[in-house]
Amino acid sequence: VGAQEIDYVLPYSDYLAGNRADALEKCSIISQYCKVNKLGLKIIIETGEFTDLNLLYQVSRELIDLEVNFLKTSTGTSVQGASLPAVFTLL
């Protein structure tokens, strides 16, 4: 039947290095593609890489503003996976 949802990892290294607009633009392009093609979009943030919960909250709000369908905490490949504070921040 084909894909019904796209999982995309936020370019968190770019975002954390200060290239926030570039990272969000990539997410925006994926979001627009998904809308046009009637696909769900899950953005994986890799929350373990965010040491500042305020910044994690900020990126979460920015992604919600892009109308993504789901936010996910982690790919499971980072040394630090999802923490309870990160989960509560996304919620």
N, C-alpha and C. Protein backbone atom coordinates (compact mmCIF):
# COMPACT_ATOMS: atom_id res chain seq x y z
N VAL A 1 0.83 -1.18 0.00
CA VAL A 1 0.00 0.00 0.00
C VAL A 1 0.87 1.25 0.00
N GLY A 2 2.09 1.15 0.47
CA GLY A 2 2.99 2.30 0.51
C GLY A 2 3.06 2.92 1.89
N ALA A 3 3.93 3.89 2.01
CA ALA A 3 4.14 4.58 3.29
C ALA A 3 2.94 5.44 3.65
N GLN A 4 2.66 5.49 4.92
CA GLN A 4 1.60 6.38 5.42
C GLN A 4 2.16 7.43 6.38
N GLU A 5 3.43 7.25 6.73
CA GLU A 5 4.08 8.16 7.67
C GLU A 5 5.56 8.23 7.36
N ILE A 6 6.12 9.42 7.54
CA ILE A 6 7.55 9.63 7.38
C ILE A 6 8.14 9.91 8.75
N ASP A 7 9.23 9.22 9.08
CA ASP A 7 10.01 9.52 10.28
C ASP A 7 11.25 10.28 9.83
N TYR A 8 11.49 11.43 10.44
CA TYR A 8 12.61 12.27 10.06
C TYR A 8 13.33 12.74 11.31
N VAL A 9 14.64 12.59 11.33
CA VAL A 9 15.44 13.02 12.48
C VAL A 9 15.80 14.49 12.29
N LEU A 10 15.41 15.30 13.27
CA LEU A 10 15.80 16.70 13.27
C LEU A 10 17.31 16.79 13.12
N PRO A 11 17.81 17.64 12.25
CA PRO A 11 19.26 17.85 12.18
C PRO A 11 19.75 18.57 13.45
N TYR A 12 19.73 17.82 14.55
CA TYR A 12 19.98 18.41 15.86
C TYR A 12 21.38 18.97 16.00
N SER A 13 22.36 18.39 15.32
CA SER A 13 23.73 18.93 15.38
C SER A 13 23.75 20.34 14.82
N ASP A 14 23.06 20.54 13.70
CA ASP A 14 22.96 21.88 13.12
C ASP A 14 22.22 22.82 14.07
N TYR A 15 21.11 22.35 14.58
CA TYR A 15 20.29 23.17 15.48
C TYR A 15 21.11 23.60 16.70
N LEU A 16 21.79 22.66 17.32
CA LEU A 16 22.56 22.96 18.52
C LEU A 16 23.79 23.81 18.24
N ALA A 17 24.29 23.77 17.00
CA ALA A 17 25.45 24.58 16.62
C ALA A 17 25.05 26.01 16.27
N GLY A 18 23.75 26.32 16.37
CA GLY A 18 23.29 27.67 16.07
C GLY A 18 22.70 27.84 14.70
N ASN A 19 22.70 26.79 13.91
CA ASN A 19 22.10 26.84 12.57
C ASN A 19 20.64 26.42 12.64
N ARG A 20 19.91 27.07 13.51
CA ARG A 20 18.53 26.68 13.79
C ARG A 20 17.63 26.86 12.58
N ALA A 21 17.80 27.97 11.88
CA ALA A 21 16.94 28.23 10.72
C ALA A 21 17.14 27.15 9.66
N ASP A 22 18.37 26.74 9.43
CA ASP A 22 18.63 25.70 8.43
C ASP A 22 18.01 24.37 8.84
N ALA A 23 18.16 24.01 10.11
CA ALA A 23 17.60 22.76 10.59
C ALA A 23 16.08 22.77 10.48
N LEU A 24 15.47 23.87 10.85
CA LEU A 24 14.01 23.97 10.79
C LEU A 24 13.51 24.05 9.35
N GLU A 25 14.28 24.65 8.47
CA GLU A 25 13.89 24.71 7.06
C GLU A 25 13.82 23.31 6.46
N LYS A 26 14.77 22.45 6.83
CA LYS A 26 14.73 21.07 6.35
C LYS A 26 13.47 20.37 6.85
N CYS A 27 13.13 20.60 8.09
CA CYS A 27 11.90 20.01 8.65
C CYS A 27 10.67 20.58 7.96
N SER A 28 10.70 21.85 7.65
CA SER A 28 9.58 22.48 6.97
C SER A 28 9.37 21.89 5.58
N ILE A 29 10.44 21.65 4.87
CA ILE A 29 10.34 21.06 3.53
C ILE A 29 9.72 19.67 3.62
N ILE A 30 10.16 18.88 4.59
CA ILE A 30 9.60 17.54 4.78
C ILE A 30 8.12 17.65 5.16
N SER A 31 7.80 18.60 6.03
CA SER A 31 6.42 18.79 6.47
C SER A 31 5.52 19.14 5.29
N GLN A 32 5.96 20.05 4.45
CA GLN A 32 5.16 20.43 3.28
C GLN A 32 4.96 19.24 2.34
N TYR A 33 6.01 18.46 2.14
CA TYR A 33 5.91 17.26 1.29
C TYR A 33 4.86 16.31 1.85
N CYS A 34 4.90 16.11 3.16
CA CYS A 34 3.95 15.19 3.79
C CYS A 34 2.52 15.69 3.66
N LYS A 35 2.32 16.99 3.84
CA LYS A 35 0.97 17.54 3.70
C LYS A 35 0.43 17.32 2.30
N VAL A 36 1.25 17.64 1.30
CA VAL A 36 0.83 17.50 -0.10
C VAL A 36 0.49 16.05 -0.42
N ASN A 37 1.25 15.14 0.15
CA ASN A 37 1.09 13.72 -0.15
C ASN A 37 0.26 12.97 0.89
N LYS A 38 -0.38 13.72 1.78
CA LYS A 38 -1.27 13.15 2.80
C LYS A 38 -0.57 12.06 3.63
N LEU A 39 0.63 12.40 4.08
CA LEU A 39 1.41 11.49 4.92
C LEU A 39 1.55 12.09 6.31
N GLY A 40 1.59 11.23 7.31
CA GLY A 40 1.90 11.69 8.65
C GLY A 40 3.39 11.98 8.75
N LEU A 41 3.75 12.85 9.68
CA LEU A 41 5.17 13.19 9.88
C LEU A 41 5.53 13.08 11.35
N LYS A 42 6.55 12.29 11.63
CA LYS A 42 7.11 12.16 12.97
C LYS A 42 8.53 12.72 12.92
N ILE A 43 8.78 13.73 13.75
CA ILE A 43 10.13 14.28 13.86
C ILE A 43 10.76 13.72 15.12
N ILE A 44 11.93 13.12 14.96
CA ILE A 44 12.69 12.58 16.09
C ILE A 44 13.70 13.64 16.49
N ILE A 45 13.63 14.09 17.73
CA ILE A 45 14.43 15.23 18.18
C ILE A 45 15.82 14.83 18.68
N GLU A 46 15.99 13.64 19.19
CA GLU A 46 17.23 13.19 19.83
C GLU A 46 17.48 14.03 21.08
N THR A 47 16.53 13.94 22.00
CA THR A 47 16.52 14.78 23.19
C THR A 47 17.75 14.62 24.07
N GLY A 48 18.40 13.49 24.04
CA GLY A 48 19.59 13.27 24.85
C GLY A 48 20.74 14.19 24.49
N GLU A 49 20.69 14.78 23.32
CA GLU A 49 21.73 15.71 22.88
C GLU A 49 21.47 17.14 23.37
N PHE A 50 20.27 17.39 23.91
CA PHE A 50 19.91 18.72 24.39
C PHE A 50 20.17 18.78 25.89
N THR A 51 21.16 19.55 26.31
CA THR A 51 21.45 19.69 27.73
C THR A 51 20.62 20.80 28.37
N ASP A 52 20.03 21.65 27.55
CA ASP A 52 19.22 22.78 28.02
C ASP A 52 17.75 22.48 27.72
N LEU A 53 16.96 22.25 28.76
CA LEU A 53 15.55 21.92 28.56
C LEU A 53 14.77 23.09 27.96
N ASN A 54 15.21 24.31 28.20
CA ASN A 54 14.54 25.46 27.58
C ASN A 54 14.71 25.41 26.07
N LEU A 55 15.89 25.04 25.61
CA LEU A 55 16.14 24.92 24.18
C LEU A 55 15.34 23.75 23.59
N LEU A 56 15.24 22.68 24.34
CA LEU A 56 14.44 21.54 23.91
C LEU A 56 12.97 21.94 23.78
N TYR A 57 12.49 22.70 24.74
CA TYR A 57 11.11 23.20 24.67
C TYR A 57 10.94 24.10 23.44
N GLN A 58 11.91 24.96 23.20
CA GLN A 58 11.84 25.88 22.07
C GLN A 58 11.75 25.12 20.75
N VAL A 59 12.62 24.14 20.55
CA VAL A 59 12.58 23.40 19.29
C VAL A 59 11.29 22.61 19.17
N SER A 60 10.78 22.10 20.27
CA SER A 60 9.51 21.38 20.24
C SER A 60 8.39 22.30 19.77
N ARG A 61 8.34 23.51 20.32
CA ARG A 61 7.31 24.48 19.91
C ARG A 61 7.47 24.84 18.43
N GLU A 62 8.70 25.02 17.99
CA GLU A 62 8.95 25.37 16.59
C GLU A 62 8.47 24.25 15.66
N LEU A 63 8.69 23.02 16.07
CA LEU A 63 8.24 21.89 15.25
C LEU A 63 6.72 21.77 15.27
N ILE A 64 6.12 22.01 16.41
CA ILE A 64 4.65 22.00 16.48
C ILE A 64 4.08 23.08 15.56
N ASP A 65 4.74 24.23 15.53
CA ASP A 65 4.30 25.31 14.63
C ASP A 65 4.39 24.90 13.16
N LEU A 66 5.28 23.96 12.85
CA LEU A 66 5.37 23.44 11.48
C LEU A 66 4.30 22.39 11.19
N GLU A 67 3.47 22.11 12.20
CA GLU A 67 2.35 21.19 12.08
C GLU A 67 2.78 19.74 11.85
N VAL A 68 3.86 19.34 12.50
CA VAL A 68 4.22 17.92 12.45
C VAL A 68 3.19 17.16 13.27
N ASN A 69 3.01 15.88 12.96
CA ASN A 69 1.98 15.09 13.64
C ASN A 69 2.45 14.52 14.97
N PHE A 70 3.74 14.17 15.05
CA PHE A 70 4.28 13.54 16.25
C PHE A 70 5.69 14.05 16.52
N LEU A 71 6.04 14.16 17.79
CA LEU A 71 7.41 14.39 18.20
C LEU A 71 7.87 13.15 18.94
N LYS A 72 9.06 12.71 18.63
CA LYS A 72 9.63 11.53 19.29
C LYS A 72 10.92 11.96 19.98
N THR A 73 11.20 11.35 21.12
CA THR A 73 12.34 11.77 21.93
C THR A 73 13.69 11.33 21.38
N SER A 74 13.78 10.11 20.85
CA SER A 74 15.10 9.55 20.58
C SER A 74 15.06 8.47 19.51
N THR A 75 16.16 8.35 18.80
CA THR A 75 16.31 7.24 17.86
C THR A 75 16.76 5.98 18.57
N GLY A 76 17.30 6.14 19.76
CA GLY A 76 17.84 5.01 20.50
C GLY A 76 19.30 4.74 20.19
N THR A 77 19.91 5.61 19.40
CA THR A 77 21.31 5.40 19.02
C THR A 77 22.28 6.31 19.76
N SER A 78 21.77 7.33 20.44
CA SER A 78 22.65 8.22 21.21
C SER A 78 23.03 7.57 22.53
N VAL A 79 24.12 8.04 23.08
CA VAL A 79 24.56 7.53 24.38
C VAL A 79 23.49 7.80 25.43
N GLN A 80 22.95 9.02 25.43
CA GLN A 80 21.87 9.39 26.35
C GLN A 80 20.55 9.29 25.61
N GLY A 81 19.72 8.38 26.01
CA GLY A 81 18.39 8.26 25.42
C GLY A 81 17.43 9.26 26.04
N ALA A 82 16.17 8.98 25.92
CA ALA A 82 15.15 9.86 26.47
C ALA A 82 15.18 9.82 27.99
N SER A 83 15.08 10.98 28.59
CA SER A 83 15.00 11.08 30.05
C SER A 83 13.59 11.54 30.42
N LEU A 84 13.22 11.33 31.66
CA LEU A 84 11.91 11.80 32.11
C LEU A 84 11.76 13.32 31.97
N PRO A 85 12.77 14.11 32.34
CA PRO A 85 12.63 15.56 32.13
C PRO A 85 12.43 15.92 30.65
N ALA A 86 13.10 15.22 29.75
CA ALA A 86 12.93 15.49 28.32
C ALA A 86 11.52 15.14 27.87
N VAL A 87 11.02 14.02 28.34
CA VAL A 87 9.66 13.60 27.98
C VAL A 87 8.65 14.64 28.47
N PHE A 88 8.80 15.08 29.71
CA PHE A 88 7.88 16.09 30.25
C PHE A 88 8.00 17.41 29.50
N THR A 89 9.20 17.75 29.05
CA THR A 89 9.38 18.97 28.27
C THR A 89 8.63 18.90 26.96
N LEU A 90 8.69 17.77 26.28
CA LEU A 90 7.96 17.61 25.03
C LEU A 90 6.46 17.64 25.26
N LEU A 91 6.02 17.02 26.34
CA LEU A 91 4.59 17.02 26.64
C LEU A 91 4.09 18.43 26.91
